[in-house]
């Protein structure tokens, strides 16, 4: 599943299906392009809800470069 990183804070409206997100938060995308600019996602605490697509950017977890060893004979 794709992940995104929140660039801005977003405060959900009560009983709207929206989810409050904080800048820097990593979210897992469940559905995107909902009703013209919304995404549905899950945060690390397990909450699920809608948030504005324009508030997030794609996130790629950084991976450590492969370690190579020089073997002397």
N, C-alpha and C. Protein backbone atom coordinates (compact mmCIF):
# COMPACT_ATOMS: atom_id res chain seq x y z
N UNK A 1 0.83 -1.19 0.00
CA UNK A 1 0.00 0.00 0.00
C UNK A 1 0.88 1.25 0.00
N UNK A 2 0.40 2.25 -0.65
CA UNK A 2 1.15 3.51 -0.75
C UNK A 2 1.08 4.26 0.58
N UNK A 3 2.13 5.03 0.82
CA UNK A 3 2.16 5.87 2.01
C UNK A 3 2.36 7.32 1.59
N UNK A 4 1.84 8.22 2.42
CA UNK A 4 2.01 9.65 2.20
C UNK A 4 2.46 10.29 3.51
N UNK A 5 3.06 11.47 3.37
CA UNK A 5 3.51 12.24 4.53
C UNK A 5 2.72 13.54 4.57
N UNK A 6 2.11 13.84 5.71
CA UNK A 6 1.34 15.08 5.85
C UNK A 6 2.28 16.27 5.84
N UNK A 7 2.00 17.24 5.00
CA UNK A 7 2.80 18.46 4.92
C UNK A 7 2.21 19.57 5.79
N UNK A 8 0.92 19.44 6.10
CA UNK A 8 0.21 20.46 6.88
C UNK A 8 -0.70 19.79 7.90
N UNK A 9 -1.03 20.50 8.95
CA UNK A 9 -2.03 20.03 9.91
C UNK A 9 -3.42 20.16 9.27
N UNK A 10 -4.29 19.22 9.61
CA UNK A 10 -5.68 19.29 9.18
C UNK A 10 -6.56 18.86 10.35
N UNK A 11 -7.53 19.68 10.69
CA UNK A 11 -8.45 19.40 11.79
C UNK A 11 -9.77 18.86 11.23
N UNK A 12 -10.10 17.63 11.60
CA UNK A 12 -11.32 16.99 11.11
C UNK A 12 -12.55 17.65 11.72
N UNK A 13 -13.62 17.69 10.94
CA UNK A 13 -14.92 18.14 11.43
C UNK A 13 -15.59 16.97 12.15
N UNK A 14 -16.25 17.23 13.29
CA UNK A 14 -16.91 16.14 14.03
C UNK A 14 -17.94 15.40 13.17
N UNK A 15 -17.98 14.09 13.32
CA UNK A 15 -18.97 13.22 12.66
C UNK A 15 -19.00 13.37 11.14
N UNK A 16 -17.83 13.62 10.54
CA UNK A 16 -17.76 13.84 9.10
C UNK A 16 -17.08 12.70 8.35
N UNK A 17 -16.45 11.78 9.10
CA UNK A 17 -15.66 10.74 8.46
C UNK A 17 -14.24 11.20 8.18
N UNK A 18 -13.94 12.46 8.51
CA UNK A 18 -12.60 13.01 8.32
C UNK A 18 -11.69 12.57 9.47
N UNK A 19 -10.39 12.67 9.24
CA UNK A 19 -9.39 12.32 10.25
C UNK A 19 -8.44 13.49 10.43
N UNK A 20 -8.20 13.88 11.67
CA UNK A 20 -7.23 14.92 11.96
C UNK A 20 -5.83 14.38 11.68
N UNK A 21 -5.02 15.15 10.97
CA UNK A 21 -3.64 14.76 10.69
C UNK A 21 -2.71 15.90 11.09
N UNK A 22 -1.47 15.54 11.39
CA UNK A 22 -0.46 16.52 11.79
C UNK A 22 0.69 16.51 10.80
N UNK A 23 1.25 17.68 10.55
CA UNK A 23 2.41 17.78 9.65
C UNK A 23 3.49 16.81 10.10
N UNK A 24 4.05 16.06 9.15
CA UNK A 24 5.10 15.09 9.43
C UNK A 24 4.59 13.68 9.66
N UNK A 25 3.30 13.53 9.85
CA UNK A 25 2.71 12.22 10.10
C UNK A 25 2.71 11.37 8.83
N UNK A 26 3.02 10.08 8.98
CA UNK A 26 3.01 9.14 7.86
C UNK A 26 1.69 8.39 7.89
N UNK A 27 1.02 8.35 6.74
CA UNK A 27 -0.30 7.72 6.62
C UNK A 27 -0.28 6.66 5.52
N UNK A 28 -0.99 5.58 5.74
CA UNK A 28 -1.15 4.55 4.72
C UNK A 28 -2.44 4.82 3.95
N UNK A 29 -2.33 4.92 2.64
CA UNK A 29 -3.49 5.24 1.79
C UNK A 29 -4.33 3.99 1.57
N UNK A 30 -5.62 4.11 1.86
CA UNK A 30 -6.58 3.03 1.60
C UNK A 30 -7.26 3.27 0.25
N UNK A 31 -7.72 4.51 0.02
CA UNK A 31 -8.33 4.90 -1.26
C UNK A 31 -7.90 6.33 -1.55
N UNK A 32 -7.73 6.64 -2.84
CA UNK A 32 -7.39 8.02 -3.19
C UNK A 32 -8.40 8.55 -4.21
N UNK A 33 -8.28 9.83 -4.52
CA UNK A 33 -9.14 10.49 -5.50
C UNK A 33 -10.63 10.31 -5.18
N UNK A 34 -10.98 10.59 -3.93
CA UNK A 34 -12.37 10.47 -3.48
C UNK A 34 -13.04 11.84 -3.57
N UNK A 35 -14.15 11.91 -4.26
CA UNK A 35 -14.95 13.15 -4.34
C UNK A 35 -14.11 14.40 -4.58
N UNK A 36 -13.23 14.34 -5.54
CA UNK A 36 -12.48 15.53 -5.93
C UNK A 36 -11.50 16.06 -4.92
N UNK A 37 -10.52 15.26 -4.55
CA UNK A 37 -9.43 15.79 -3.75
C UNK A 37 -9.29 15.26 -2.33
N UNK A 38 -9.94 14.16 -2.02
CA UNK A 38 -9.81 13.57 -0.69
C UNK A 38 -9.18 12.19 -0.81
N UNK A 39 -8.54 11.77 0.28
CA UNK A 39 -7.99 10.42 0.39
C UNK A 39 -8.53 9.80 1.66
N UNK A 40 -8.61 8.48 1.66
CA UNK A 40 -8.92 7.75 2.89
C UNK A 40 -7.64 7.05 3.31
N UNK A 41 -7.30 7.16 4.57
CA UNK A 41 -6.07 6.55 5.04
C UNK A 41 -6.13 6.12 6.48
N UNK A 42 -5.04 5.47 6.90
CA UNK A 42 -4.91 4.97 8.27
C UNK A 42 -3.62 5.53 8.85
N UNK A 43 -3.68 6.00 10.09
CA UNK A 43 -2.47 6.49 10.75
C UNK A 43 -1.84 5.36 11.57
N UNK A 44 -0.71 5.63 12.21
CA UNK A 44 0.00 4.60 12.96
C UNK A 44 -0.76 4.14 14.20
N UNK A 45 -1.73 4.93 14.65
CA UNK A 45 -2.55 4.55 15.81
C UNK A 45 -3.76 3.71 15.42
N UNK A 46 -3.93 3.48 14.11
CA UNK A 46 -5.02 2.65 13.63
C UNK A 46 -6.29 3.40 13.29
N UNK A 47 -6.30 4.73 13.46
CA UNK A 47 -7.47 5.52 13.09
C UNK A 47 -7.59 5.58 11.57
N UNK A 48 -8.82 5.56 11.07
CA UNK A 48 -9.08 5.61 9.64
C UNK A 48 -10.02 6.78 9.36
N UNK A 49 -9.74 7.51 8.28
CA UNK A 49 -10.63 8.61 7.91
C UNK A 49 -10.16 9.32 6.66
N UNK A 50 -10.90 10.36 6.30
CA UNK A 50 -10.61 11.15 5.11
C UNK A 50 -9.76 12.36 5.46
N UNK A 51 -8.90 12.74 4.51
CA UNK A 51 -8.08 13.94 4.66
C UNK A 51 -7.83 14.51 3.26
N UNK A 52 -7.54 15.82 3.17
CA UNK A 52 -7.35 16.43 1.85
C UNK A 52 -6.08 15.93 1.16
N UNK A 53 -6.22 15.54 -0.09
CA UNK A 53 -5.09 15.07 -0.88
C UNK A 53 -4.01 16.15 -1.02
N UNK A 54 -4.43 17.41 -1.04
CA UNK A 54 -3.48 18.52 -1.21
C UNK A 54 -2.63 18.78 0.04
N UNK A 55 -2.93 18.11 1.15
CA UNK A 55 -2.18 18.29 2.39
C UNK A 55 -1.05 17.27 2.54
N UNK A 56 -0.93 16.34 1.59
CA UNK A 56 0.06 15.26 1.71
C UNK A 56 0.90 15.12 0.44
N UNK A 57 2.06 14.50 0.61
CA UNK A 57 2.94 14.17 -0.52
C UNK A 57 3.32 12.70 -0.43
N UNK A 58 3.63 12.07 -1.57
CA UNK A 58 4.06 10.67 -1.53
C UNK A 58 5.26 10.50 -0.60
N UNK A 59 5.30 9.37 0.09
CA UNK A 59 6.38 9.08 1.04
C UNK A 59 7.02 7.76 0.68
N UNK A 60 8.34 7.78 0.60
CA UNK A 60 9.11 6.56 0.37
C UNK A 60 10.05 6.41 1.55
N UNK A 61 9.88 5.35 2.31
CA UNK A 61 10.75 5.11 3.46
C UNK A 61 12.18 4.95 2.95
N UNK A 62 13.08 5.65 3.60
CA UNK A 62 14.48 5.54 3.16
C UNK A 62 15.03 4.19 3.58
N UNK A 63 15.81 3.66 2.73
CA UNK A 63 16.46 2.38 3.01
C UNK A 63 17.96 2.61 3.08
N UNK A 64 18.57 1.91 3.98
CA UNK A 64 20.02 2.01 4.10
C UNK A 64 20.65 1.40 2.84
N UNK A 65 21.72 2.01 2.36
CA UNK A 65 22.37 1.42 1.18
C UNK A 65 22.93 0.04 1.52
N UNK A 66 23.01 -0.82 0.53
CA UNK A 66 23.54 -2.16 0.79
C UNK A 66 24.98 -2.08 1.30
N UNK A 67 25.27 -2.96 2.21
CA UNK A 67 26.62 -3.03 2.78
C UNK A 67 27.42 -4.02 1.95
N UNK A 68 28.61 -3.61 1.54
CA UNK A 68 29.46 -4.54 0.80
C UNK A 68 30.74 -4.77 1.61
N UNK A 69 31.26 -5.94 1.47
CA UNK A 69 32.47 -6.31 2.19
C UNK A 69 33.56 -6.64 1.18
N UNK A 70 34.77 -6.25 1.51
CA UNK A 70 35.92 -6.59 0.69
C UNK A 70 36.58 -7.79 1.35
N UNK A 71 36.65 -8.88 0.61
CA UNK A 71 37.25 -10.09 1.15
C UNK A 71 38.66 -10.19 0.62
N UNK A 72 39.62 -10.24 1.55
CA UNK A 72 41.03 -10.40 1.14
C UNK A 72 41.37 -11.87 1.12
N UNK A 73 42.11 -12.27 0.10
CA UNK A 73 42.50 -13.67 0.04
C UNK A 73 43.98 -13.83 0.26
